[in-house]
Amino acid sequence: MTFLEEILARKAREVEARRAAVPEDALRERASRRPAPLGLWEALSPAGGPVRVVAEVKRASPSAGAIDAALDAPAQAARYEAAGAAAVSVLTDGPGFGGSLEDLAAVRERVRSPLLRKDFVVDAYQLLEARAAGADAALLIVAALPGDRLRQLLDACAPIGLAALVEVHDERELAAALAAGARLVGVNNRDLHSFRVDLAVSERLLPMLPEGVRGVAESGVRTAADVRRLRARGASNFLVGEALVRAGDPGRLIRELTEC
């Protein structure tokens, strides 16, 4: 079993346990009481537009290990917003990233920027969870959603007002994302099997996006030099996590990136 397959099997078990604890109808009712969602697509730039940073709250990752186990998620998100981040991403996976849905809900109480739930989504129940906790968007990973699952989950987002950032790693996955109707595409520079990071993935794939689809470079963006490198290929939007959590002054780093 591969690393991704192990995560997805665990995630399926987690979802069933949570569904047993909180029925879907109750979750849907909670989601319906949330204010109108904020537009992630509208918060980001078209190709060649001004730099926009999606700033991520994360305590750990499978590739980096512990980053900051004691990180105060809402306080960190507030720092990001004050520095001009276009949106905030919150990791909600516990075993791999030290996150939770409670982090997402707490961040929602502190920031008014678009909020992305980043997790391994395998079931529409998780989309309801995201909306009920205050998210405006959720991550959908093409590699984790074979067959018609990607399109089914994209279709499940619209009725509850949730945007989807569809993550790809290569040309085949990009074609699948576009065929399913993705309007926001995240290009992950990290190989899910080797964990190797290569910014050339974004350099290759982002220029392939058609007009009207907004792209986000994910993973490996740490410095203004990285942003300038990808800007040369038309990149405008950057999801940055580990570098911000490790930074002594994350606000300063956001400002440096957005000035590129």
C-alpha atoms as a PDB file:
ATOM      1  CA  MET A   1       0.000   0.000   0.000  1.00  0.00           C
ATOM      2  CA  THR A   2       1.387   3.415  -0.962  1.00  0.00           C
ATOM      3  CA  PHE A   3       1.655   6.401   1.383  1.00  0.00           C
ATOM      4  CA  LEU A   4      -1.371   8.047  -0.254  1.00  0.00           C
ATOM      5  CA  GLU A   5      -3.423   4.838  -0.132  1.00  0.00           C
ATOM      6  CA  GLU A   6      -2.708   4.521   3.597  1.00  0.00           C
ATOM      7  CA  ILE A   7      -3.879   8.073   4.218  1.00  0.00           C
ATOM      8  CA  LEU A   8      -7.042   7.616   2.177  1.00  0.00           C
ATOM      9  CA  ALA A   9      -7.945   4.387   3.963  1.00  0.00           C
ATOM     10  CA  ARG A  10      -7.491   6.114   7.314  1.00  0.00           C
ATOM     11  CA  LYS A  11      -9.489   9.102   6.144  1.00  0.00           C
ATOM     12  CA  ALA A  12     -12.410   6.907   5.055  1.00  0.00           C
ATOM     13  CA  ARG A  13     -12.512   5.343   8.532  1.00  0.00           C
ATOM     14  CA  GLU A  14     -12.389   8.780  10.175  1.00  0.00           C
ATOM     15  CA  VAL A  15     -15.269  10.043   8.059  1.00  0.00           C
ATOM     16  CA  GLU A  16     -17.484   7.097   8.949  1.00  0.00           C
ATOM     17  CA  ALA A  17     -16.778   7.582  12.652  1.00  0.00           C
ATOM     18  CA  ARG A  18     -17.648  11.281  12.462  1.00  0.00           C
ATOM     19  CA  ARG A  19     -20.773  10.574  10.416  1.00  0.00           C
ATOM     20  CA  ALA A  20     -21.932   8.208  13.150  1.00  0.00           C
ATOM     21  CA  ALA A  21     -21.361  10.929  15.741  1.00  0.00           C
ATOM     22  CA  VAL A  22     -22.923  13.807  13.773  1.00  0.00           C
ATOM     23  CA  PRO A  23     -25.583  12.827  11.202  1.00  0.00           C
ATOM     24  CA  GLU A  24     -25.357  14.452   7.802  1.00  0.00           C
ATOM     25  CA  ASP A  25     -28.702  16.240   8.176  1.00  0.00           C
ATOM     26  CA  ALA A  26     -27.514  17.957  11.354  1.00  0.00           C
ATOM     27  CA  LEU A  27     -24.295  19.002   9.660  1.00  0.00           C
ATOM     28  CA  ARG A  28     -26.175  20.323   6.638  1.00  0.00           C
ATOM     29  CA  GLU A  29     -28.383  22.404   8.920  1.00  0.00           C
ATOM     30  CA  ARG A  30     -25.297  23.893  10.604  1.00  0.00           C
ATOM     31  CA  ALA A  31     -23.762  24.712   7.246  1.00  0.00           C
ATOM     32  CA  SER A  32     -26.961  26.444   6.107  1.00  0.00           C
ATOM     33  CA  ARG A  33     -26.705  28.876   9.036  1.00  0.00           C
ATOM     34  CA  ARG A  34     -23.290  30.133   7.969  1.00  0.00           C
ATOM     35  CA  PRO A  35     -23.047  33.579   6.336  1.00  0.00           C
ATOM     36  CA  ALA A  36     -22.614  33.696   2.574  1.00  0.00           C
ATOM     37  CA  PRO A  37     -19.214  32.323   1.579  1.00  0.00           C
ATOM     38  CA  LEU A  38     -16.346  34.556   0.506  1.00  0.00           C
ATOM     39  CA  GLY A  39     -15.064  34.013  -3.023  1.00  0.00           C
ATOM     40  CA  LEU A  40     -11.633  32.393  -3.253  1.00  0.00           C
ATOM     41  CA  TRP A  41     -11.587  32.634  -7.056  1.00  0.00           C
ATOM     42  CA  GLU A  42     -12.299  36.355  -6.830  1.00  0.00           C
ATOM     43  CA  ALA A  43      -9.576  36.849  -4.200  1.00  0.00           C
ATOM     44  CA  LEU A  44      -6.896  35.410  -6.485  1.00  0.00           C
ATOM     45  CA  SER A  45      -5.238  36.844  -9.582  1.00  0.00           C
ATOM     46  CA  PRO A  46      -5.410  35.782 -13.224  1.00  0.00           C
ATOM     47  CA  ALA A  47      -2.153  34.723 -14.875  1.00  0.00           C
ATOM     48  CA  GLY A  48       0.307  37.595 -14.845  1.00  0.00           C
ATOM     49  CA  GLY A  49      -1.726  39.593 -12.311  1.00  0.00           C
ATOM     50  CA  PRO A  50      -0.564  40.894  -8.926  1.00  0.00           C
ATOM     51  CA  VAL A  51       0.944  38.375  -6.524  1.00  0.00           C
ATOM     52  CA  ARG A  52      -1.552  36.872  -4.121  1.00  0.00           C
ATOM     53  CA  VAL A  53      -0.535  34.655  -1.189  1.00  0.00           C
ATOM     54  CA  VAL A  54      -2.686  31.896   0.262  1.00  0.00           C
ATOM     55  CA  ALA A  55      -1.069  31.656   3.701  1.00  0.00           C
ATOM     56  CA  GLU A  56      -1.233  28.295   5.420  1.00  0.00           C
ATOM     57  CA  VAL A  57      -1.591  27.340   9.062  1.00  0.00           C
ATOM     58  CA  LYS A  58       0.148  24.027   9.709  1.00  0.00           C
ATOM     59  CA  ARG A  59       1.895  22.492  12.719  1.00  0.00           C
ATOM     60  CA  ALA A  60       3.572  19.552  10.966  1.00  0.00           C
ATOM     61  CA  SER A  61       3.715  17.597   7.728  1.00  0.00           C
ATOM     62  CA  PRO A  62       4.728  14.058   6.729  1.00  0.00           C
ATOM     63  CA  SER A  63       7.711  15.420   4.795  1.00  0.00           C
ATOM     64  CA  ALA A  64       8.968  18.015   7.301  1.00  0.00           C
ATOM     65  CA  GLY A  65       7.874  16.415  10.570  1.00  0.00           C
ATOM     66  CA  ALA A  66       7.042  18.786  13.421  1.00  0.00           C
ATOM     67  CA  ILE A  67       7.221  22.455  12.405  1.00  0.00           C
ATOM     68  CA  ASP A  68       5.575  24.157  15.400  1.00  0.00           C
ATOM     69  CA  ALA A  69       3.508  21.783  17.509  1.00  0.00           C
ATOM     70  CA  ALA A  70       2.294  24.596  19.767  1.00  0.00           C
ATOM     71  CA  LEU A  71       1.226  26.920  16.957  1.00  0.00           C
ATOM     72  CA  ASP A  72      -1.816  29.054  17.843  1.00  0.00           C
ATOM     73  CA  ALA A  73      -3.852  28.664  14.651  1.00  0.00           C
ATOM     74  CA  PRO A  74      -6.167  31.706  14.938  1.00  0.00           C
ATOM     75  CA  ALA A  75      -3.359  34.009  16.075  1.00  0.00           C
ATOM     76  CA  GLN A  76      -1.165  32.898  13.180  1.00  0.00           C
ATOM     77  CA  ALA A  77      -4.027  33.371  10.710  1.00  0.00           C
ATOM     78  CA  ALA A  78      -4.639  36.873  12.050  1.00  0.00           C
ATOM     79  CA  ARG A  79      -0.974  37.716  11.426  1.00  0.00           C
ATOM     80  CA  TYR A  80      -1.335  36.513   7.867  1.00  0.00           C
ATOM     81  CA  GLU A  81      -4.443  38.571   7.230  1.00  0.00           C
ATOM     82  CA  ALA A  82      -2.931  41.720   8.735  1.00  0.00           C
ATOM     83  CA  ALA A  83       0.041  41.370   6.380  1.00  0.00           C
ATOM     84  CA  GLY A  84      -2.165  41.202   3.296  1.00  0.00           C
ATOM     85  CA  ALA A  85      -2.643  37.498   2.606  1.00  0.00           C
ATOM     86  CA  ALA A  86      -5.396  37.014   0.029  1.00  0.00           C
ATOM     87  CA  ALA A  87      -6.709  33.900   1.774  1.00  0.00           C
ATOM     88  CA  VAL A  88      -5.879  31.527   4.621  1.00  0.00           C
ATOM     89  CA  SER A  89      -5.474  27.758   4.337  1.00  0.00           C
ATOM     90  CA  VAL A  90      -5.930  25.578   7.430  1.00  0.00           C
ATOM     91  CA  LEU A  91      -4.726  21.981   7.633  1.00  0.00           C
ATOM     92  CA  THR A  92      -7.409  19.914   9.364  1.00  0.00           C
ATOM     93  CA  ASP A  93      -5.781  16.469   9.205  1.00  0.00           C
ATOM     94  CA  GLY A  94      -4.674  15.373  12.657  1.00  0.00           C
ATOM     95  CA  PRO A  95      -2.183  12.486  12.350  1.00  0.00           C
ATOM     96  CA  GLY A  96      -0.250  13.950   9.421  1.00  0.00           C
ATOM     97  CA  PHE A  97      -0.410  17.673  10.079  1.00  0.00           C
ATOM     98  CA  GLY A  98      -1.477  18.249  13.678  1.00  0.00           C
ATOM     99  CA  GLY A  99      -4.648  20.036  12.601  1.00  0.00           C
ATOM    100  CA  SER A 100      -8.367  19.761  13.288  1.00  0.00           C
ATOM    101  CA  LEU A 101     -11.776  21.090  12.341  1.00  0.00           C
ATOM    102  CA  GLU A 102     -11.663  23.014  15.606  1.00  0.00           C
ATOM    103  CA  ASP A 103      -8.665  24.924  14.226  1.00  0.00           C
ATOM    104  CA  LEU A 104     -10.701  25.807  11.151  1.00  0.00           C
ATOM    105  CA  ALA A 105     -13.649  27.070  13.194  1.00  0.00           C
ATOM    106  CA  ALA A 106     -11.351  29.066  15.491  1.00  0.00           C
ATOM    107  CA  VAL A 107      -9.596  30.692  12.545  1.00  0.00           C
ATOM    108  CA  ARG A 108     -12.976  31.620  11.065  1.00  0.00           C
ATOM    109  CA  GLU A 109     -13.723  33.574  14.218  1.00  0.00           C
ATOM    110  CA  ARG A 110     -10.553  35.653  13.807  1.00  0.00           C
ATOM    111  CA  VAL A 111     -10.246  36.384  10.076  1.00  0.00           C
ATOM    112  CA  ARG A 112     -12.521  37.731   7.375  1.00  0.00           C
ATOM    113  CA  SER A 113     -10.472  36.508   4.410  1.00  0.00           C
ATOM    114  CA  PRO A 114     -11.506  33.501   2.295  1.00  0.00           C
ATOM    115  CA  LEU A 115     -10.754  30.313   4.203  1.00  0.00           C
ATOM    116  CA  LEU A 116      -9.621  27.024   2.641  1.00  0.00           C
ATOM    117  CA  ARG A 117     -10.003  23.657   4.337  1.00  0.00           C
ATOM    118  CA  LYS A 118      -6.931  21.633   3.368  1.00  0.00           C
ATOM    119  CA  ASP A 119      -7.333  17.915   3.974  1.00  0.00           C
ATOM    120  CA  PHE A 120      -7.670  14.634   2.117  1.00  0.00           C
ATOM    121  CA  VAL A 121     -11.295  14.881   1.024  1.00  0.00           C
ATOM    122  CA  VAL A 122     -12.807  11.553   0.015  1.00  0.00           C
ATOM    123  CA  ASP A 123     -16.486  12.096   0.835  1.00  0.00           C
ATOM    124  CA  ALA A 124     -19.076  14.860   0.414  1.00  0.00           C
ATOM    125  CA  TYR A 125     -19.585  14.708   4.186  1.00  0.00           C
ATOM    126  CA  GLN A 126     -16.215  16.448   4.565  1.00  0.00           C
ATOM    127  CA  LEU A 127     -17.423  19.285   2.355  1.00  0.00           C
ATOM    128  CA  LEU A 128     -20.374  19.816   4.689  1.00  0.00           C
ATOM    129  CA  GLU A 129     -17.968  19.752   7.624  1.00  0.00           C
ATOM    130  CA  ALA A 130     -15.856  22.409   5.935  1.00  0.00           C
ATOM    131  CA  ARG A 131     -18.808  24.703   5.311  1.00  0.00           C
ATOM    132  CA  ALA A 132     -20.253  24.145   8.792  1.00  0.00           C
ATOM    133  CA  ALA A 133     -16.900  25.149  10.299  1.00  0.00           C
ATOM    134  CA  GLY A 134     -16.826  28.328   8.214  1.00  0.00           C
ATOM    135  CA  ALA A 135     -14.677  27.396   5.233  1.00  0.00           C
ATOM    136  CA  ASP A 136     -15.269  29.073   1.888  1.00  0.00           C
ATOM    137  CA  ALA A 137     -13.337  26.472  -0.103  1.00  0.00           C
ATOM    138  CA  ALA A 138     -11.964  22.944   0.160  1.00  0.00           C
ATOM    139  CA  LEU A 139      -9.016  21.152  -1.410  1.00  0.00           C
ATOM    140  CA  LEU A 140      -9.754  18.286  -3.798  1.00  0.00           C
ATOM    141  CA  ILE A 141      -6.733  16.175  -4.798  1.00  0.00           C
ATOM    142  CA  VAL A 142      -7.028  14.542  -8.224  1.00  0.00           C
ATOM    143  CA  ALA A 143      -4.647  11.723  -7.217  1.00  0.00           C
ATOM    144  CA  ALA A 144      -6.999  10.829  -4.356  1.00  0.00           C
ATOM    145  CA  LEU A 145     -10.205  10.876  -6.413  1.00  0.00           C
ATOM    146  CA  PRO A 146     -10.231   8.264  -9.197  1.00  0.00           C
ATOM    147  CA  GLY A 147     -12.921   7.768 -11.801  1.00  0.00           C
ATOM    148  CA  ASP A 148     -15.932  10.045 -11.388  1.00  0.00           C
ATOM    149  CA  ARG A 149     -15.202  10.928  -7.750  1.00  0.00           C
ATOM    150  CA  LEU A 150     -13.623  14.287  -8.597  1.00  0.00           C
ATOM    151  CA  ARG A 151     -16.599  15.416 -10.659  1.00  0.00           C
ATOM    152  CA  GLN A 152     -19.036  14.137  -8.026  1.00  0.00           C
ATOM    153  CA  LEU A 153     -17.336  16.119  -5.276  1.00  0.00           C
ATOM    154  CA  LEU A 154     -17.047  19.219  -7.444  1.00  0.00           C
ATOM    155  CA  ASP A 155     -20.786  18.934  -8.092  1.00  0.00           C
ATOM    156  CA  ALA A 156     -21.389  18.587  -4.339  1.00  0.00           C
ATOM    157  CA  CYS A 157     -19.569  21.870  -3.639  1.00  0.00           C
ATOM    158  CA  ALA A 158     -21.852  24.182  -5.595  1.00  0.00           C
ATOM    159  CA  PRO A 159     -25.146  23.645  -3.691  1.00  0.00           C
ATOM    160  CA  ILE A 160     -23.503  24.496  -0.364  1.00  0.00           C
ATOM    161  CA  GLY A 161     -21.593  27.503  -1.697  1.00  0.00           C
ATOM    162  CA  LEU A 162     -18.158  25.954  -1.376  1.00  0.00           C
ATOM    163  CA  ALA A 163     -15.383  26.638  -3.876  1.00  0.00           C
ATOM    164  CA  ALA A 164     -12.892  23.891  -4.749  1.00  0.00           C
ATOM    165  CA  LEU A 165      -9.148  24.178  -5.214  1.00  0.00           C
ATOM    166  CA  VAL A 166      -8.326  21.144  -7.353  1.00  0.00           C
ATOM    167  CA  GLU A 167      -4.778  19.911  -6.844  1.00  0.00           C
ATOM    168  CA  VAL A 168      -2.711  18.338  -9.633  1.00  0.00           C
ATOM    169  CA  HIS A 169       0.838  17.028  -9.993  1.00  0.00           C
ATOM    170  CA  ASP A 170       1.212  16.335 -13.711  1.00  0.00           C
ATOM    171  CA  GLU A 171      -0.335  16.768 -17.149  1.00  0.00           C
ATOM    172  CA  ARG A 172      -2.688  13.803 -16.827  1.00  0.00           C
ATOM    173  CA  GLU A 173      -4.126  15.083 -13.561  1.00  0.00           C
ATOM    174  CA  LEU A 174      -4.415  18.594 -15.004  1.00  0.00           C
ATOM    175  CA  ALA A 175      -6.447  17.243 -17.915  1.00  0.00           C
ATOM    176  CA  ALA A 176      -8.729  15.412 -15.468  1.00  0.00           C
ATOM    177  CA  ALA A 177      -9.213  18.555 -13.365  1.00  0.00           C
ATOM    178  CA  LEU A 178     -10.147  20.681 -16.369  1.00  0.00           C
ATOM    179  CA  ALA A 179     -12.446  17.995 -17.780  1.00  0.00           C
ATOM    180  CA  ALA A 180     -14.280  17.899 -14.434  1.00  0.00           C
ATOM    181  CA  GLY A 181     -14.848  21.660 -14.559  1.00  0.00           C
ATOM    182  CA  ALA A 182     -12.243  22.994 -12.117  1.00  0.00           C
ATOM    183  CA  ARG A 183     -11.961  26.808 -12.044  1.00  0.00           C
ATOM    184  CA  LEU A 184      -9.213  26.885  -9.400  1.00  0.00           C
ATOM    185  CA  VAL A 185      -6.233  24.602  -9.943  1.00  0.00           C
ATOM    186  CA  GLY A 186      -3.405  24.112  -7.464  1.00  0.00           C
ATOM    187  CA  VAL A 187      -0.173  22.777  -8.926  1.00  0.00           C
ATOM    188  CA  ASN A 188       1.648  20.867  -6.198  1.00  0.00           C
ATOM    189  CA  ASN A 189       5.397  20.871  -6.714  1.00  0.00           C
ATOM    190  CA  ARG A 190       5.827  18.052  -4.168  1.00  0.00           C
ATOM    191  CA  ASP A 191       5.771  14.473  -5.423  1.00  0.00           C
ATOM    192  CA  LEU A 192       3.348  12.525  -3.196  1.00  0.00           C
ATOM    193  CA  HIS A 193       5.512   9.404  -3.334  1.00  0.00           C
ATOM    194  CA  SER A 194       9.086  10.673  -2.993  1.00  0.00           C
ATOM    195  CA  PHE A 195       8.224  14.009  -1.288  1.00  0.00           C
ATOM    196  CA  ARG A 196      10.730  15.622  -3.654  1.00  0.00           C
ATOM    197  CA  VAL A 197       9.931  19.252  -4.446  1.00  0.00           C
ATOM    198  CA  ASP A 198      10.563  20.711  -7.886  1.00  0.00           C
ATOM    199  CA  LEU A 199       9.331  24.190  -8.846  1.00  0.00           C
ATOM    200  CA  ALA A 200       9.650  23.137 -12.477  1.00  0.00           C
ATOM    201  CA  VAL A 201       6.289  21.365 -12.074  1.00  0.00           C
ATOM    202  CA  SER A 202       4.545  24.736 -11.689  1.00  0.00           C
ATOM    203  CA  GLU A 203       6.700  26.233 -14.431  1.00  0.00           C
ATOM    204  CA  ARG A 204       5.475  23.502 -16.766  1.00  0.00           C
ATOM    205  CA  LEU A 205       1.799  23.202 -15.806  1.00  0.00           C
ATOM    206  CA  LEU A 206       0.608  26.711 -14.896  1.00  0.00           C
ATOM    207  CA  PRO A 207       1.024  28.068 -18.452  1.00  0.00           C
ATOM    208  CA  MET A 208      -1.302  25.273 -19.645  1.00  0.00           C
ATOM    209  CA  LEU A 209      -4.304  26.656 -17.761  1.00  0.00           C
ATOM    210  CA  PRO A 210      -6.993  28.101 -20.031  1.00  0.00           C
ATOM    211  CA  GLU A 211      -8.325  31.621 -19.606  1.00  0.00           C
ATOM    212  CA  GLY A 212     -10.827  31.806 -16.766  1.00  0.00           C
ATOM    213  CA  VAL A 213      -9.071  29.160 -14.680  1.00  0.00           C
ATOM    214  CA  ARG A 214      -6.897  30.530 -11.890  1.00  0.00           C
ATOM    215  CA  GLY A 215      -3.793  28.656 -10.849  1.00  0.00           C
ATOM    216  CA  VAL A 216      -1.990  28.408  -7.513  1.00  0.00           C
ATOM    217  CA  ALA A 217       1.617  27.256  -7.101  1.00  0.00           C
ATOM    218  CA  GLU A 218       1.818  24.962  -4.074  1.00  0.00           C
ATOM    219  CA  SER A 219       4.803  23.618  -2.095  1.00  0.00           C
ATOM    220  CA  GLY A 220       8.417  24.717  -2.176  1.00  0.00           C
ATOM    221  CA  VAL A 221       7.762  28.467  -2.372  1.00  0.00           C
ATOM    222  CA  ARG A 222       9.914  29.934   0.387  1.00  0.00           C
ATOM    223  CA  THR A 223      11.511  33.148  -0.830  1.00  0.00           C
ATOM    224  CA  ALA A 224      10.984  36.153  -3.067  1.00  0.00           C
ATOM    225  CA  ALA A 225      13.442  34.521  -5.484  1.00  0.00           C
ATOM    226  CA  ASP A 226      11.109  31.518  -5.793  1.00  0.00           C
ATOM    227  CA  VAL A 227       8.174  33.815  -6.521  1.00  0.00           C
ATOM    228  CA  ARG A 228      10.148  35.757  -9.135  1.00  0.00           C
ATOM    229  CA  ARG A 229      11.175  32.496 -10.796  1.00  0.00           C
ATOM    230  CA  LEU A 230       7.568  31.367 -11.146  1.00  0.00           C
ATOM    231  CA  ARG A 231       6.343  34.850 -12.082  1.00  0.00           C
ATOM    232  CA  ALA A 232       8.474  34.502 -15.209  1.00  0.00           C
ATOM    233  CA  ARG A 233       6.096  31.688 -16.243  1.00  0.00           C
ATOM    234  CA  GLY A 234       2.947  33.675 -15.452  1.00  0.00           C
ATOM    235  CA  ALA A 235       2.312  32.486 -11.892  1.00  0.00           C
ATOM    236  CA  SER A 236       0.359  34.929  -9.731  1.00  0.00           C
ATOM    237  CA  ASN A 237      -0.934  32.940  -6.762  1.00  0.00           C
ATOM    238  CA  PHE A 238       1.187  31.079  -4.229  1.00  0.00           C
ATOM    239  CA  LEU A 239       0.191  28.795  -1.366  1.00  0.00           C
ATOM    240  CA  VAL A 240       2.884  29.160   1.300  1.00  0.00           C
ATOM    241  CA  GLY A 241       2.882  27.233   4.571  1.00  0.00           C
ATOM    242  CA  GLU A 242       6.063  25.875   6.099  1.00  0.00           C
ATOM    243  CA  ALA A 243       8.160  28.959   5.290  1.00  0.00           C
ATOM    244  CA  LEU A 244       5.617  31.219   7.010  1.00  0.00           C
ATOM    245  CA  VAL A 245       5.310  29.051  10.104  1.00  0.00           C
ATOM    246  CA  ARG A 246       9.093  28.904  10.460  1.00  0.00           C
ATOM    247  CA  ALA A 247       9.545  32.643   9.801  1.00  0.00           C
ATOM    248  CA  GLY A 248      10.285  34.833  12.795  1.00  0.00           C
ATOM    249  CA  ASP A 249       8.106  37.490  11.170  1.00  0.00           C
ATOM    250  CA  PRO A 250       5.565  35.857   8.835  1.00  0.00           C
ATOM    251  CA  GLY A 251       4.005  39.221   8.013  1.00  0.00           C
ATOM    252  CA  ARG A 252       7.301  40.512   6.670  1.00  0.00           C
ATOM    253  CA  LEU A 253       7.687  37.432   4.468  1.00  0.00           C
ATOM    254  CA  ILE A 254       4.176  37.863   3.054  1.00  0.00           C
ATOM    255  CA  ARG A 255       4.940  41.478   2.226  1.00  0.00           C
ATOM    256  CA  GLU A 256       8.214  40.501   0.539  1.00  0.00           C
ATOM    257  CA  LEU A 257       6.431  37.917  -1.597  1.00  0.00           C
ATOM    258  CA  THR A 258       3.552  40.171  -2.617  1.00  0.00           C
ATOM    259  CA  GLU A 259       5.949  42.915  -3.702  1.00  0.00           C
ATOM    260  CA  CYS A 260       7.482  40.685  -6.391  1.00  0.00           C
END
